[in-house]
C-alpha cells in the first residue's frame, strides 16, 4: 500500500510555472490549485509517495 505525504504551498501568479516545475523536480505531484487569500495568489496542493 502506498503511503502519501502532502504539501500546501502558495503560488504567485507571475511565477506559477517556475514554482510548479520546482516542486515537480522534487517529486511532488500537483493535486489541485485553488484561489488564495488575495486576487494575485493561488494555493497549490501536492502529494508524493513516502519513501523509506
C-alpha atoms as a PDB file:
ATOM      1  CA  UNK A   1       0.000   0.000   0.000  1.00  0.00           C
ATOM      2  CA  UNK A   2       1.334   3.442  -0.910  1.00  0.00           C
ATOM      3  CA  UNK A   3       1.654   5.977   1.882  1.00  0.00           C
ATOM      4  CA  UNK A   4       1.489   9.657   0.887  1.00  0.00           C
ATOM      5  CA  UNK A   5       2.804  12.905   2.278  1.00  0.00           C
ATOM      6  CA  UNK A   6       1.129  16.203   1.419  1.00  0.00           C
ATOM      7  CA  UNK A   7       2.225  19.798   0.923  1.00  0.00           C
ATOM      8  CA  UNK A   8       0.292  23.049   0.631  1.00  0.00           C
ATOM      9  CA  UNK A   9       2.146  25.938  -0.974  1.00  0.00           C
ATOM     10  CA  UNK A  10       1.311  29.484  -2.094  1.00  0.00           C
ATOM     11  CA  UNK A  11       1.721  30.253  -5.800  1.00  0.00           C
ATOM     12  CA  UNK A  12       2.469  33.703  -7.123  1.00  0.00           C
ATOM     13  CA  UNK A  13       0.536  34.324 -10.327  1.00  0.00           C
ATOM     14  CA  UNK A  14       3.561  35.817 -12.106  1.00  0.00           C
ATOM     15  CA  UNK A  15       5.795  32.798 -11.345  1.00  0.00           C
ATOM     16  CA  UNK A  16       3.395  29.839 -11.367  1.00  0.00           C
ATOM     17  CA  UNK A  17       5.192  27.701 -13.943  1.00  0.00           C
ATOM     18  CA  UNK A  18       8.591  28.048 -12.295  1.00  0.00           C
ATOM     19  CA  UNK A  19       7.198  27.234  -8.846  1.00  0.00           C
ATOM     20  CA  UNK A  20       5.301  24.173 -10.114  1.00  0.00           C
ATOM     21  CA  UNK A  21       8.360  22.930 -12.025  1.00  0.00           C
ATOM     22  CA  UNK A  22      10.498  23.258  -8.885  1.00  0.00           C
ATOM     23  CA  UNK A  23       8.079  21.158  -6.823  1.00  0.00           C
ATOM     24  CA  UNK A  24       7.778  18.618  -9.648  1.00  0.00           C
ATOM     25  CA  UNK A  25      11.570  18.250  -9.748  1.00  0.00           C
ATOM     26  CA  UNK A  26      11.413  17.314  -6.050  1.00  0.00           C
ATOM     27  CA  UNK A  27       8.895  14.547  -6.749  1.00  0.00           C
ATOM     28  CA  UNK A  28       5.711  16.410  -5.791  1.00  0.00           C
ATOM     29  CA  UNK A  29       2.583  15.750  -7.874  1.00  0.00           C
ATOM     30  CA  UNK A  30       0.133  18.622  -8.230  1.00  0.00           C
ATOM     31  CA  UNK A  31      -3.326  17.658  -6.973  1.00  0.00           C
ATOM     32  CA  UNK A  32      -5.258  20.922  -7.057  1.00  0.00           C
ATOM     33  CA  UNK A  33      -4.893  24.709  -7.332  1.00  0.00           C
ATOM     34  CA  UNK A  34      -7.418  26.981  -5.606  1.00  0.00           C
ATOM     35  CA  UNK A  35      -7.726  30.769  -5.246  1.00  0.00           C
ATOM     36  CA  UNK A  36      -5.606  32.260  -2.469  1.00  0.00           C
ATOM     37  CA  UNK A  37      -6.446  34.876   0.122  1.00  0.00           C
ATOM     38  CA  UNK A  38      -5.913  37.757  -2.323  1.00  0.00           C
ATOM     39  CA  UNK A  39      -6.518  38.199  -6.074  1.00  0.00           C
ATOM     40  CA  UNK A  40      -2.835  37.829  -7.005  1.00  0.00           C
ATOM     41  CA  UNK A  41      -2.248  34.493  -5.310  1.00  0.00           C
ATOM     42  CA  UNK A  42      -3.145  30.840  -5.622  1.00  0.00           C
ATOM     43  CA  UNK A  43      -2.718  27.893  -3.262  1.00  0.00           C
ATOM     44  CA  UNK A  44      -1.427  24.572  -4.596  1.00  0.00           C
ATOM     45  CA  UNK A  45      -1.902  21.154  -3.031  1.00  0.00           C
ATOM     46  CA  UNK A  46       0.702  18.458  -3.757  1.00  0.00           C
ATOM     47  CA  UNK A  47       1.315  14.837  -2.829  1.00  0.00           C
ATOM     48  CA  UNK A  48       4.187  12.373  -3.180  1.00  0.00           C
ATOM     49  CA  UNK A  49       4.793   8.822  -2.000  1.00  0.00           C
ATOM     50  CA  UNK A  50       6.635   8.426   1.267  1.00  0.00           C
ATOM     51  CA  UNK A  51       9.881   6.533   0.783  1.00  0.00           C
ATOM     52  CA  UNK A  52      11.747   4.740   3.445  1.00  0.00           C
END
